Amino acid sequence: MLLVEAWQFIVDHPDRFFSALLTHVELSVAALFFAIAIAVPLGVWVSGKRRAAITAITAANIGRTLPSLAVLALVMPVLGTGFAPSLFALTLLALPPILINTYTAVRQVDPDVIDAARGMGMTNGEIVRKIELPMAAPVVFAGIRTAAVQVVSGAVLAAYIGGGGLGDFITAGIAMMALPQLLVGAIPATILSIGADRLFGWLQKALTPAGMRAP
């Protein structure tokens, strides 16, 4: 019965639903994009610098302990409310797992392989692109996969600081004790989270070099 009423709400308010869904997807994709663009190069860079690595990994581990809502609440007094502050907060939320996994993966690359590459005349940039990143890809994508699920689910909380998205239906449903409206936000958000996990799981497998795949 509740599912029927939730579906009827979508039928009655399609523009409102699809606008919230689009905002939720845009917010999640943008936050994940910025997090990857920051965390992967940073993880590669600090892997060869001990002091910088300690600082970055410590900060990332602290970031992992912060609840999603706490991150959003900390951002609000500084940046205000709306899409941009929500994007900034979700990007911060996605950074730790990607950074830690990238650092760990690059550090685990066999030093003998790198020495052999240098002996063949490869530059540092070529070693990163052709040796370290391909060999680190499975672990890096595991971090991206974790971050993607966290961001998609955390984007629901963006409604509390005016970020929009599917969380608007959840907060309104809770405020008005309207369970069908709550489900209009909760069910699609859950499906998006599962879809993100499956998508990046497939990408993790597809982009892992054939010689490194589990039999």
N, C-alpha and C. Protein backbone atom coordinates (compact mmCIF):
# COMPACT_ATOMS: atom_id res chain seq x y z
N MET A 1 0.84 -1.21 0.00
CA MET A 1 0.00 0.00 0.00
C MET A 1 0.87 1.26 0.00
N LEU A 2 1.88 1.27 0.85
CA LEU A 2 2.77 2.43 0.90
C LEU A 2 3.51 2.62 -0.42
N LEU A 3 3.92 1.50 -1.03
CA LEU A 3 4.63 1.59 -2.31
C LEU A 3 3.72 2.15 -3.39
N VAL A 4 2.45 1.75 -3.36
CA VAL A 4 1.49 2.26 -4.35
C VAL A 4 1.31 3.76 -4.16
N GLU A 5 1.21 4.19 -2.91
CA GLU A 5 1.04 5.62 -2.64
C GLU A 5 2.30 6.41 -3.03
N ALA A 6 3.47 5.79 -2.81
CA ALA A 6 4.71 6.45 -3.20
C ALA A 6 4.77 6.60 -4.71
N TRP A 7 4.38 5.53 -5.43
CA TRP A 7 4.38 5.60 -6.89
C TRP A 7 3.38 6.64 -7.38
N GLN A 8 2.24 6.74 -6.72
CA GLN A 8 1.23 7.72 -7.11
C GLN A 8 1.74 9.14 -6.89
N PHE A 9 2.55 9.33 -5.84
CA PHE A 9 3.15 10.65 -5.59
C PHE A 9 4.06 11.04 -6.75
N ILE A 10 4.86 10.07 -7.22
CA ILE A 10 5.75 10.34 -8.36
C ILE A 10 4.94 10.67 -9.61
N VAL A 11 3.87 9.91 -9.83
CA VAL A 11 3.01 10.14 -11.00
C VAL A 11 2.38 11.53 -10.93
N ASP A 12 2.00 11.94 -9.73
CA ASP A 12 1.34 13.24 -9.57
C ASP A 12 2.34 14.41 -9.62
N HIS A 13 3.61 14.13 -9.27
CA HIS A 13 4.61 15.20 -9.23
C HIS A 13 5.87 14.78 -9.99
N PRO A 14 5.77 14.45 -11.28
CA PRO A 14 6.94 13.94 -12.01
C PRO A 14 8.07 14.96 -12.13
N ASP A 15 7.72 16.23 -12.38
CA ASP A 15 8.75 17.25 -12.53
C ASP A 15 9.55 17.42 -11.25
N ARG A 16 8.85 17.43 -10.14
CA ARG A 16 9.50 17.58 -8.84
C ARG A 16 10.41 16.39 -8.54
N PHE A 17 9.93 15.18 -8.84
CA PHE A 17 10.73 13.99 -8.56
C PHE A 17 11.98 13.93 -9.43
N PHE A 18 11.80 14.11 -10.73
CA PHE A 18 12.95 13.98 -11.63
C PHE A 18 13.95 15.13 -11.46
N SER A 19 13.47 16.28 -11.04
CA SER A 19 14.38 17.39 -10.74
C SER A 19 15.25 17.04 -9.53
N ALA A 20 14.63 16.47 -8.49
CA ALA A 20 15.37 16.05 -7.30
C ALA A 20 16.34 14.92 -7.63
N LEU A 21 15.90 13.98 -8.45
CA LEU A 21 16.76 12.86 -8.85
C LEU A 21 17.97 13.36 -9.63
N LEU A 22 17.74 14.29 -10.56
CA LEU A 22 18.84 14.85 -11.34
C LEU A 22 19.83 15.60 -10.45
N THR A 23 19.31 16.38 -9.51
CA THR A 23 20.19 17.11 -8.59
C THR A 23 21.02 16.14 -7.76
N HIS A 24 20.40 15.06 -7.31
CA HIS A 24 21.09 14.06 -6.51
C HIS A 24 22.23 13.42 -7.31
N VAL A 25 21.95 13.07 -8.55
CA VAL A 25 22.97 12.45 -9.41
C VAL A 25 24.08 13.44 -9.72
N GLU A 26 23.71 14.67 -10.07
CA GLU A 26 24.72 15.70 -10.38
C GLU A 26 25.63 15.95 -9.18
N LEU A 27 25.04 16.04 -8.01
CA LEU A 27 25.80 16.29 -6.78
C LEU A 27 26.77 15.14 -6.51
N SER A 28 26.29 13.91 -6.67
CA SER A 28 27.12 12.73 -6.41
C SER A 28 28.25 12.60 -7.42
N VAL A 29 27.93 12.76 -8.70
CA VAL A 29 28.94 12.61 -9.75
C VAL A 29 30.00 13.69 -9.63
N ALA A 30 29.58 14.93 -9.40
CA ALA A 30 30.54 16.04 -9.29
C ALA A 30 31.46 15.85 -8.09
N ALA A 31 30.90 15.46 -6.95
CA ALA A 31 31.70 15.26 -5.75
C ALA A 31 32.72 14.14 -5.95
N LEU A 32 32.29 13.05 -6.58
CA LEU A 32 33.20 11.93 -6.82
C LEU A 32 34.29 12.32 -7.82
N PHE A 33 33.92 13.08 -8.85
CA PHE A 33 34.89 13.53 -9.84
C PHE A 33 35.98 14.38 -9.19
N PHE A 34 35.59 15.34 -8.39
CA PHE A 34 36.57 16.22 -7.74
C PHE A 34 37.43 15.43 -6.75
N ALA A 35 36.81 14.49 -6.04
CA ALA A 35 37.56 13.70 -5.07
C ALA A 35 38.62 12.84 -5.77
N ILE A 36 38.26 12.23 -6.90
CA ILE A 36 39.23 11.43 -7.65
C ILE A 36 40.34 12.31 -8.19
N ALA A 37 39.96 13.48 -8.73
CA ALA A 37 40.95 14.40 -9.31
C ALA A 37 41.94 14.90 -8.27
N ILE A 38 41.52 14.98 -7.01
CA ILE A 38 42.41 15.44 -5.94
C ILE A 38 43.16 14.27 -5.29
N ALA A 39 42.43 13.23 -4.93
CA ALA A 39 42.99 12.17 -4.08
C ALA A 39 43.96 11.25 -4.82
N VAL A 40 43.69 10.92 -6.08
CA VAL A 40 44.58 9.99 -6.79
C VAL A 40 45.96 10.61 -7.01
N PRO A 41 46.06 11.83 -7.61
CA PRO A 41 47.40 12.44 -7.75
C PRO A 41 48.08 12.66 -6.40
N LEU A 42 47.31 13.06 -5.38
CA LEU A 42 47.89 13.30 -4.06
C LEU A 42 48.41 12.01 -3.46
N GLY A 43 47.64 10.92 -3.63
CA GLY A 43 48.07 9.63 -3.11
C GLY A 43 49.34 9.14 -3.77
N VAL A 44 49.46 9.36 -5.08
CA VAL A 44 50.68 8.97 -5.80
C VAL A 44 51.85 9.82 -5.33
N TRP A 45 51.61 11.12 -5.15
CA TRP A 45 52.69 12.03 -4.76
C TRP A 45 53.22 11.73 -3.37
N VAL A 46 52.32 11.54 -2.39
CA VAL A 46 52.78 11.32 -1.01
C VAL A 46 53.37 9.93 -0.82
N SER A 47 53.13 9.01 -1.75
CA SER A 47 53.68 7.66 -1.60
C SER A 47 55.21 7.65 -1.58
N GLY A 48 55.81 8.70 -2.13
CA GLY A 48 57.27 8.78 -2.14
C GLY A 48 57.82 9.80 -1.17
N LYS A 49 56.95 10.37 -0.32
CA LYS A 49 57.39 11.41 0.62
C LYS A 49 56.85 11.05 2.00
N ARG A 50 57.73 10.56 2.85
CA ARG A 50 57.32 9.99 4.14
C ARG A 50 56.58 10.99 5.02
N ARG A 51 57.13 12.20 5.22
CA ARG A 51 56.49 13.17 6.11
C ARG A 51 55.15 13.63 5.58
N ALA A 52 55.10 13.91 4.28
CA ALA A 52 53.83 14.33 3.68
C ALA A 52 52.80 13.20 3.77
N ALA A 53 53.27 11.96 3.62
CA ALA A 53 52.37 10.81 3.70
C ALA A 53 51.76 10.68 5.08
N ILE A 54 52.57 10.87 6.12
CA ILE A 54 52.06 10.77 7.49
C ILE A 54 50.98 11.80 7.73
N THR A 55 51.22 13.03 7.29
CA THR A 55 50.25 14.11 7.48
C THR A 55 48.96 13.82 6.71
N ALA A 56 49.10 13.43 5.44
CA ALA A 56 47.93 13.20 4.59
C ALA A 56 47.10 12.02 5.08
N ILE A 57 47.76 10.92 5.42
CA ILE A 57 47.04 9.73 5.86
C ILE A 57 46.38 9.95 7.22
N THR A 58 47.07 10.68 8.11
CA THR A 58 46.46 10.99 9.40
C THR A 58 45.20 11.82 9.22
N ALA A 59 45.28 12.84 8.36
CA ALA A 59 44.11 13.68 8.08
C ALA A 59 42.98 12.86 7.46
N ALA A 60 43.36 11.96 6.55
CA ALA A 60 42.35 11.12 5.90
C ALA A 60 41.68 10.18 6.90
N ASN A 61 42.46 9.61 7.81
CA ASN A 61 41.88 8.72 8.81
C ASN A 61 40.95 9.46 9.76
N ILE A 62 41.32 10.70 10.09
CA ILE A 62 40.42 11.52 10.92
C ILE A 62 39.12 11.79 10.15
N GLY A 63 39.28 12.09 8.84
CA GLY A 63 38.11 12.35 8.01
C GLY A 63 37.17 11.16 7.92
N ARG A 64 37.74 9.96 7.95
CA ARG A 64 36.92 8.74 7.85
C ARG A 64 36.07 8.53 9.09
N THR A 65 36.50 9.08 10.22
CA THR A 65 35.75 8.88 11.46
C THR A 65 34.59 9.85 11.61
N LEU A 66 34.57 10.91 10.79
CA LEU A 66 33.52 11.91 10.91
C LEU A 66 32.23 11.44 10.23
N PRO A 67 31.10 11.49 10.92
CA PRO A 67 29.82 11.14 10.28
C PRO A 67 29.51 12.11 9.13
N SER A 68 28.77 11.63 8.15
CA SER A 68 28.43 12.46 6.99
C SER A 68 27.71 13.74 7.40
N LEU A 69 26.75 13.62 8.32
CA LEU A 69 25.99 14.79 8.73
C LEU A 69 26.88 15.80 9.45
N ALA A 70 27.88 15.30 10.18
CA ALA A 70 28.80 16.20 10.89
C ALA A 70 29.63 17.01 9.89
N VAL A 71 30.06 16.37 8.80
CA VAL A 71 30.82 17.08 7.77
C VAL A 71 29.97 18.20 7.17
N LEU A 72 28.73 17.89 6.86
CA LEU A 72 27.83 18.89 6.29
C LEU A 72 27.60 20.03 7.29
N ALA A 73 27.45 19.69 8.55
CA ALA A 73 27.21 20.71 9.57
C ALA A 73 28.43 21.61 9.76
N LEU A 74 29.62 21.04 9.65
CA LEU A 74 30.84 21.84 9.80
C LEU A 74 31.03 22.81 8.64
N VAL A 75 30.57 22.42 7.45
CA VAL A 75 30.73 23.26 6.27
C VAL A 75 29.74 24.42 6.26
N MET A 76 28.55 24.17 6.79
CA MET A 76 27.47 25.16 6.69
C MET A 76 27.81 26.53 7.29
N PRO A 77 28.42 26.63 8.48
CA PRO A 77 28.72 27.97 9.02
C PRO A 77 29.72 28.75 8.18
N VAL A 78 30.56 28.04 7.41
CA VAL A 78 31.59 28.70 6.62
C VAL A 78 31.10 29.08 5.23
N LEU A 79 30.45 28.10 4.56
CA LEU A 79 30.04 28.30 3.16
C LEU A 79 28.55 28.55 2.99
N GLY A 80 27.79 28.44 4.07
CA GLY A 80 26.35 28.68 3.95
C GLY A 80 25.61 27.43 3.51
N THR A 81 24.51 27.63 2.81
CA THR A 81 23.68 26.51 2.38
C THR A 81 23.55 26.51 0.85
N GLY A 82 23.09 25.38 0.32
CA GLY A 82 22.88 25.28 -1.12
C GLY A 82 23.68 24.16 -1.75
N PHE A 83 23.72 24.15 -3.08
CA PHE A 83 24.37 23.08 -3.84
C PHE A 83 25.88 23.08 -3.64
N ALA A 84 26.50 24.27 -3.75
CA ALA A 84 27.97 24.37 -3.68
C ALA A 84 28.53 23.89 -2.33
N PRO A 85 27.98 24.33 -1.20
CA PRO A 85 28.48 23.81 0.08
C PRO A 85 28.28 22.30 0.22
N SER A 86 27.16 21.79 -0.30
CA SER A 86 26.92 20.35 -0.26
C SER A 86 27.95 19.61 -1.09
N LEU A 87 28.27 20.16 -2.26
CA LEU A 87 29.29 19.56 -3.13
C LEU A 87 30.64 19.53 -2.42
N PHE A 88 31.00 20.63 -1.77
CA PHE A 88 32.27 20.70 -1.05
C PHE A 88 32.32 19.66 0.06
N ALA A 89 31.25 19.55 0.83
CA ALA A 89 31.21 18.60 1.94
C ALA A 89 31.29 17.16 1.45
N LEU A 90 30.57 16.83 0.39
CA LEU A 90 30.59 15.47 -0.14
C LEU A 90 31.94 15.12 -0.76
N THR A 91 32.60 16.12 -1.34
CA THR A 91 33.95 15.89 -1.86
C THR A 91 34.90 15.55 -0.72
N LEU A 92 34.80 16.27 0.38
CA LEU A 92 35.61 15.96 1.56
C LEU A 92 35.32 14.55 2.07
N LEU A 93 34.06 14.17 2.01
CA LEU A 93 33.65 12.84 2.47
C LEU A 93 34.25 11.73 1.61
N ALA A 94 34.41 12.01 0.31
CA ALA A 94 34.90 10.99 -0.62
C ALA A 94 36.42 10.89 -0.65
N LEU A 95 37.11 11.91 -0.18
CA LEU A 95 38.58 11.93 -0.27
C LEU A 95 39.29 10.80 0.50
N PRO A 96 38.95 10.55 1.77
CA PRO A 96 39.75 9.60 2.56
C PRO A 96 39.90 8.21 1.96
N PRO A 97 38.82 7.51 1.58
CA PRO A 97 39.03 6.15 1.06
C PRO A 97 39.84 6.11 -0.24
N ILE A 98 39.67 7.12 -1.10
CA ILE A 98 40.42 7.13 -2.35
C ILE A 98 41.89 7.42 -2.08
N LEU A 99 42.16 8.40 -1.23
CA LEU A 99 43.54 8.77 -0.91
C LEU A 99 44.28 7.61 -0.23
N ILE A 100 43.66 7.01 0.76
CA ILE A 100 44.31 5.93 1.50
C ILE A 100 44.56 4.73 0.60
N ASN A 101 43.58 4.37 -0.22
CA ASN A 101 43.76 3.22 -1.10
C ASN A 101 44.81 3.48 -2.17
N THR A 102 44.84 4.71 -2.70
CA THR A 102 45.85 5.04 -3.71
C THR A 102 47.25 4.97 -3.11
N TYR A 103 47.41 5.57 -1.95
CA TYR A 103 48.72 5.55 -1.28
C TYR A 103 49.15 4.11 -1.00
N THR A 104 48.24 3.33 -0.43
CA THR A 104 48.57 1.93 -0.10
C THR A 104 48.92 1.13 -1.34
N ALA A 105 48.15 1.32 -2.40
CA ALA A 105 48.36 0.54 -3.62
C ALA A 105 49.70 0.87 -4.27
N VAL A 106 50.04 2.15 -4.34
CA VAL A 106 51.29 2.55 -4.97
C VAL A 106 52.48 2.07 -4.14
N ARG A 107 52.35 2.13 -2.82
CA ARG A 107 53.42 1.67 -1.94
C ARG A 107 53.67 0.17 -2.07
N GLN A 108 52.64 -0.56 -2.48
CA GLN A 108 52.75 -2.02 -2.59
C GLN A 108 53.34 -2.48 -3.92
N VAL A 109 53.54 -1.57 -4.84
CA VAL A 109 54.16 -1.94 -6.12
C VAL A 109 55.59 -2.40 -5.86
N ASP A 110 55.96 -3.52 -6.46
CA ASP A 110 57.28 -4.12 -6.25
C ASP A 110 58.40 -3.14 -6.64
N PRO A 111 59.28 -2.76 -5.71
CA PRO A 111 60.38 -1.84 -6.03
C PRO A 111 61.29 -2.37 -7.15
N ASP A 112 61.42 -3.68 -7.24
CA ASP A 112 62.26 -4.26 -8.30
C ASP A 112 61.71 -3.94 -9.69
N VAL A 113 60.37 -3.90 -9.79
CA VAL A 113 59.74 -3.57 -11.07
C VAL A 113 60.04 -2.12 -11.44
N ILE A 114 59.97 -1.24 -10.44
CA ILE A 114 60.26 0.17 -10.69
C ILE A 114 61.73 0.37 -11.06
N ASP A 115 62.62 -0.33 -10.36
CA ASP A 115 64.05 -0.23 -10.68
C ASP A 115 64.32 -0.71 -12.10
N ALA A 116 63.63 -1.79 -12.50
CA ALA A 116 63.80 -2.30 -13.86
C ALA A 116 63.31 -1.29 -14.89
N ALA A 117 62.20 -0.61 -14.57
CA ALA A 117 61.67 0.41 -15.48
C ALA A 117 62.64 1.58 -15.61
N ARG A 118 63.25 1.99 -14.49
CA ARG A 118 64.23 3.07 -14.56
C ARG A 118 65.46 2.62 -15.37
N GLY A 119 65.83 1.37 -15.20
CA GLY A 119 66.96 0.85 -15.95
C GLY A 119 66.71 0.84 -17.45
N MET A 120 65.44 0.77 -17.83
CA MET A 120 65.07 0.80 -19.25
C MET A 120 64.96 2.22 -19.77
N GLY A 121 65.18 3.20 -18.91
CA GLY A 121 65.17 4.60 -19.35
C GLY A 121 63.84 5.31 -19.18
N MET A 122 62.91 4.73 -18.45
CA MET A 122 61.62 5.39 -18.24
C MET A 122 61.77 6.58 -17.30
N THR A 123 61.03 7.64 -17.57
CA THR A 123 61.00 8.80 -16.68
C THR A 123 60.06 8.51 -15.51
N ASN A 124 60.08 9.37 -14.50
CA ASN A 124 59.20 9.20 -13.34
C ASN A 124 57.72 9.23 -13.77
N GLY A 125 57.41 10.15 -14.69
CA GLY A 125 56.03 10.23 -15.18
C GLY A 125 55.59 8.97 -15.90
N GLU A 126 56.47 8.41 -16.70
CA GLU A 126 56.15 7.17 -17.41
C GLU A 126 56.00 6.00 -16.45
N ILE A 127 56.81 5.99 -15.41
CA ILE A 127 56.70 4.92 -14.41
C ILE A 127 55.35 4.98 -13.71
N VAL A 128 54.91 6.20 -13.39
CA VAL A 128 53.60 6.36 -12.73
C VAL A 128 52.48 5.90 -13.66
N ARG A 129 52.51 6.36 -14.92
CA ARG A 129 51.43 6.07 -15.87
C ARG A 129 51.42 4.61 -16.33
N LYS A 130 52.59 4.05 -16.57
CA LYS A 130 52.67 2.72 -17.21
C LYS A 130 52.94 1.58 -16.23
N ILE A 131 53.42 1.91 -15.04
CA ILE A 131 53.76 0.85 -14.09
C ILE A 131 52.91 0.95 -12.82
N GLU A 132 53.06 2.06 -12.10
CA GLU A 132 52.44 2.15 -10.78
C GLU A 132 50.91 2.18 -10.83
N LEU A 133 50.34 3.07 -11.65
CA LEU A 133 48.89 3.17 -11.68
C LEU A 133 48.21 1.90 -12.21
N PRO A 134 48.69 1.29 -13.30
CA PRO A 134 48.06 0.03 -13.74
C PRO A 134 48.13 -1.07 -12.68
N MET A 135 49.27 -1.18 -11.99
CA MET A 135 49.41 -2.21 -10.96
C MET A 135 48.60 -1.88 -9.71
N ALA A 136 48.40 -0.59 -9.47
CA ALA A 136 47.65 -0.15 -8.29
C ALA A 136 46.15 -0.09 -8.56
N ALA A 137 45.76 -0.22 -9.82
CA ALA A 137 44.36 0.00 -10.21
C ALA A 137 43.33 -0.77 -9.39
N PRO A 138 43.50 -2.07 -9.10
CA PRO A 138 42.46 -2.78 -8.35
C PRO A 138 42.18 -2.17 -6.98
N VAL A 139 43.24 -1.81 -6.25
CA VAL A 139 43.06 -1.24 -4.92
C VAL A 139 42.53 0.19 -5.00
N VAL A 140 42.99 0.95 -5.98
CA VAL A 140 42.50 2.32 -6.16
C VAL A 140 41.00 2.31 -6.45
N PHE A 141 40.59 1.41 -7.33
CA PHE A 141 39.16 1.36 -7.68
C PHE A 141 38.31 0.84 -6.53
N ALA A 142 38.91 0.04 -5.65
CA ALA A 142 38.18 -0.38 -4.46
C ALA A 142 37.88 0.84 -3.58
N GLY A 143 38.84 1.76 -3.49
CA GLY A 143 38.62 2.99 -2.74
C GLY A 143 37.58 3.88 -3.39
N ILE A 144 37.64 3.98 -4.73
CA ILE A 144 36.65 4.78 -5.45
C ILE A 144 35.26 4.19 -5.30
N ARG A 145 35.20 2.88 -5.32
CA ARG A 145 33.91 2.19 -5.14
C ARG A 145 33.30 2.50 -3.78
N THR A 146 34.14 2.45 -2.74
CA THR A 146 33.67 2.78 -1.39
C THR A 146 33.21 4.23 -1.32
N ALA A 147 34.01 5.12 -1.91
CA ALA A 147 33.68 6.54 -1.89
C ALA A 147 32.38 6.82 -2.63
N ALA A 148 32.17 6.13 -3.75
CA ALA A 148 30.95 6.34 -4.54
C ALA A 148 29.70 6.01 -3.73
N VAL A 149 29.73 4.90 -3.03
CA VAL A 149 28.58 4.51 -2.21
C VAL A 149 28.37 5.52 -1.09
N GLN A 150 29.45 5.95 -0.45
CA GLN A 150 29.34 6.94 0.63
C GLN A 150 28.77 8.26 0.13
N VAL A 151 29.19 8.67 -1.05
CA VAL A 151 28.73 9.95 -1.59
C VAL A 151 27.25 9.88 -1.97
N VAL A 152 26.86 8.82 -2.67
CA VAL A 152 25.46 8.70 -3.10
C VAL A 152 24.53 8.64 -1.89
N SER A 153 24.92 7.87 -0.88
CA SER A 153 24.08 7.79 0.32
C SER A 153 24.17 9.08 1.14
N GLY A 154 25.37 9.67 1.21
CA GLY A 154 25.54 10.91 1.96
C GLY A 154 24.84 12.10 1.32
N ALA A 155 24.62 12.04 0.01
CA ALA A 155 23.96 13.15 -0.69
C ALA A 155 22.52 13.34 -0.20
N VAL A 156 21.96 12.29 0.38
CA VAL A 156 20.62 12.41 0.96
C VAL A 156 20.61 13.48 2.05
N LEU A 157 21.70 13.55 2.81
CA LEU A 157 21.77 14.49 3.93
C LEU A 157 21.98 15.93 3.47
N ALA A 158 22.31 16.12 2.19
CA ALA A 158 22.50 17.48 1.68
C ALA A 158 21.22 18.30 1.80
N ALA A 159 20.10 17.63 1.89
CA ALA A 159 18.83 18.34 2.04
C ALA A 159 18.81 19.19 3.31
N TYR A 160 19.57 18.78 4.32
CA TYR A 160 19.58 19.52 5.58
C TYR A 160 20.27 20.87 5.46
N ILE A 161 21.11 21.04 4.42
CA ILE A 161 21.75 22.35 4.23
C ILE A 161 21.35 22.95 2.88
N GLY A 162 20.18 22.57 2.40
CA GLY A 162 19.63 23.18 1.20
C GLY A 162 20.27 22.72 -0.09
N GLY A 163 20.90 21.54 -0.08
CA GLY A 163 21.55 21.04 -1.29
C GLY A 163 20.61 20.40 -2.28
N GLY A 164 19.38 20.12 -1.86
CA GLY A 164 18.42 19.48 -2.76
C GLY A 164 18.66 17.99 -2.87
N GLY A 165 18.09 17.39 -3.91
CA GLY A 165 18.24 15.96 -4.11
C GLY A 165 17.11 15.17 -3.49
N LEU A 166 17.27 13.86 -3.49
CA LEU A 166 16.22 12.97 -2.99
C LEU A 166 16.00 13.13 -1.49
N GLY A 167 16.97 13.68 -0.80
CA GLY A 167 16.82 13.89 0.63
C GLY A 167 15.69 14.84 0.98
N ASP A 168 15.30 15.70 0.04
CA ASP A 168 14.18 16.62 0.29
C ASP A 168 12.90 15.84 0.60
N PHE A 169 12.68 14.74 -0.13
CA PHE A 169 11.48 13.94 0.10
C PHE A 169 11.56 13.23 1.45
N ILE A 170 12.75 12.79 1.82
CA ILE A 170 12.92 12.09 3.09
C ILE A 170 12.68 13.03 4.26
N THR A 171 13.29 14.22 4.22
CA THR A 171 13.11 15.17 5.32
C THR A 171 11.66 15.65 5.41
N ALA A 172 11.03 15.86 4.25
CA ALA A 172 9.62 16.28 4.26
C ALA A 172 8.73 15.15 4.78
N GLY A 173 9.06 13.91 4.38
CA GLY A 173 8.27 12.78 4.84
C GLY A 173 8.36 12.59 6.34
N ILE A 174 9.57 12.80 6.90
CA ILE A 174 9.75 12.68 8.34
C ILE A 174 9.01 13.81 9.06
N ALA A 175 9.13 15.03 8.53
CA ALA A 175 8.52 16.19 9.18
C ALA A 175 6.99 16.08 9.21
N MET A 176 6.41 15.55 8.12
CA MET A 176 4.95 15.47 8.03
C MET A 176 4.40 14.09 8.36
N MET A 177 5.30 13.17 8.78
CA MET A 177 4.91 11.79 9.06
C MET A 177 4.20 11.17 7.86
N ALA A 178 4.72 11.49 6.67
CA ALA A 178 4.16 10.98 5.41
C ALA A 178 5.10 9.90 4.89
N LEU A 179 4.84 8.65 5.24
CA LEU A 179 5.73 7.56 4.87
C LEU A 179 5.84 7.36 3.35
N PRO A 180 4.76 7.50 2.58
CA PRO A 180 4.92 7.35 1.12
C PRO A 180 5.91 8.36 0.54
N GLN A 181 5.84 9.61 1.00
CA GLN A 181 6.77 10.62 0.50
C GLN A 181 8.20 10.30 0.93
N LEU A 182 8.36 9.77 2.13
CA LEU A 182 9.68 9.37 2.58
C LEU A 182 10.25 8.28 1.67
N LEU A 183 9.41 7.33 1.29
CA LEU A 183 9.85 6.24 0.41
C LEU A 183 10.21 6.74 -0.99
N VAL A 184 9.56 7.82 -1.43
CA VAL A 184 9.88 8.41 -2.74
C VAL A 184 11.35 8.84 -2.79
N GLY A 185 11.90 9.25 -1.66
CA GLY A 185 13.31 9.60 -1.61
C GLY A 185 14.20 8.43 -1.24
N ALA A 186 13.75 7.60 -0.30
CA ALA A 186 14.60 6.54 0.25
C ALA A 186 14.85 5.41 -0.74
N ILE A 187 13.82 4.98 -1.46
CA ILE A 187 13.99 3.84 -2.38
C ILE A 187 14.90 4.18 -3.55
N PRO A 188 14.68 5.30 -4.28
CA PRO A 188 15.61 5.63 -5.36
C PRO A 188 17.04 5.85 -4.87
N ALA A 189 17.20 6.46 -3.68
CA ALA A 189 18.55 6.68 -3.15
C ALA A 189 19.25 5.35 -2.87
N THR A 190 18.50 4.38 -2.37
CA THR A 190 19.06 3.04 -2.12
C THR A 190 19.45 2.37 -3.43
N ILE A 191 18.58 2.48 -4.43
CA ILE A 191 18.87 1.88 -5.74
C ILE A 191 20.11 2.53 -6.36
N LEU A 192 20.23 3.85 -6.23
CA LEU A 192 21.41 4.55 -6.76
C LEU A 192 22.68 4.08 -6.05
N SER A 193 22.62 3.87 -4.74
CA SER A 193 23.79 3.41 -4.00
C SER A 193 24.22 2.02 -4.45
N ILE A 194 23.25 1.14 -4.61
CA ILE A 194 23.56 -0.22 -5.06
C ILE A 194 24.10 -0.18 -6.49
N GLY A 195 23.48 0.67 -7.33
CA GLY A 195 23.94 0.81 -8.71
C GLY A 195 25.36 1.34 -8.79
N ALA A 196 25.70 2.31 -7.93
CA ALA A 196 27.06 2.84 -7.91
C ALA A 196 28.06 1.77 -7.50
N ASP A 197 27.68 0.96 -6.52
CA ASP A 197 28.57 -0.12 -6.08
C ASP A 197 28.81 -1.12 -7.21
N ARG A 198 27.75 -1.50 -7.91
CA ARG A 198 27.88 -2.46 -9.00
C ARG A 198 28.67 -1.88 -10.17
N LEU A 199 28.41 -0.61 -10.50
CA LEU A 199 29.10 0.04 -11.62
C LEU A 199 30.60 0.08 -11.38
N PHE A 200 31.01 0.54 -10.21
CA PHE A 200 32.44 0.66 -9.94
C PHE A 200 33.08 -0.71 -9.68
N GLY A 201 32.28 -1.67 -9.26
CA GLY A 201 32.80 -3.03 -9.17
C GLY A 201 33.13 -3.56 -10.55
N TRP A 202 32.25 -3.27 -11.53
CA TRP A 202 32.50 -3.70 -12.91
C TRP A 202 33.70 -2.96 -13.50
N LEU A 203 33.78 -1.65 -13.24
CA LEU A 203 34.92 -0.87 -13.73
C LEU A 203 36.23 -1.36 -13.11
N GLN A 204 36.18 -1.70 -11.82
CA GLN A 204 37.37 -2.21 -11.15
C GLN A 204 37.88 -3.47 -11.85
N LYS A 205 36.97 -4.34 -12.22
CA LYS A 205 37.36 -5.57 -12.90
C LYS A 205 37.81 -5.30 -14.33
N ALA A 206 37.09 -4.41 -15.03
CA ALA A 206 37.38 -4.15 -16.44
C ALA A 206 38.71 -3.44 -16.63
N LEU A 207 39.08 -2.57 -15.70
CA LEU A 207 40.29 -1.77 -15.85
C LEU A 207 41.51 -2.39 -15.16
N THR A 208 41.30 -3.52 -14.52
CA THR A 208 42.45 -4.23 -13.92
C THR A 208 43.18 -4.99 -15.03
N PRO A 209 44.50 -4.82 -15.16
CA PRO A 209 45.24 -5.56 -16.18
C PRO A 209 44.96 -7.05 -16.10
N ALA A 210 44.85 -7.68 -17.28
CA ALA A 210 44.45 -9.09 -17.35
C ALA A 210 45.35 -9.99 -16.50
N GLY A 211 46.66 -9.70 -16.46
CA GLY A 211 47.57 -10.52 -15.71
C GLY A 211 47.42 -10.42 -14.21
N MET A 212 46.65 -9.39 -13.73
CA MET A 212 46.48 -9.20 -12.30
C MET A 212 45.10 -9.62 -11.82
N ARG A 213 44.26 -10.12 -12.72
CA ARG A 213 42.92 -10.53 -12.32
C ARG A 213 42.97 -11.88 -11.64
N ALA A 214 42.10 -12.04 -10.66
CA ALA A 214 42.02 -13.32 -9.99
C ALA A 214 41.47 -14.36 -10.95
N PRO A 215 41.99 -15.58 -10.93
CA PRO A 215 41.50 -16.61 -11.83
C PRO A 215 40.07 -17.00 -11.49
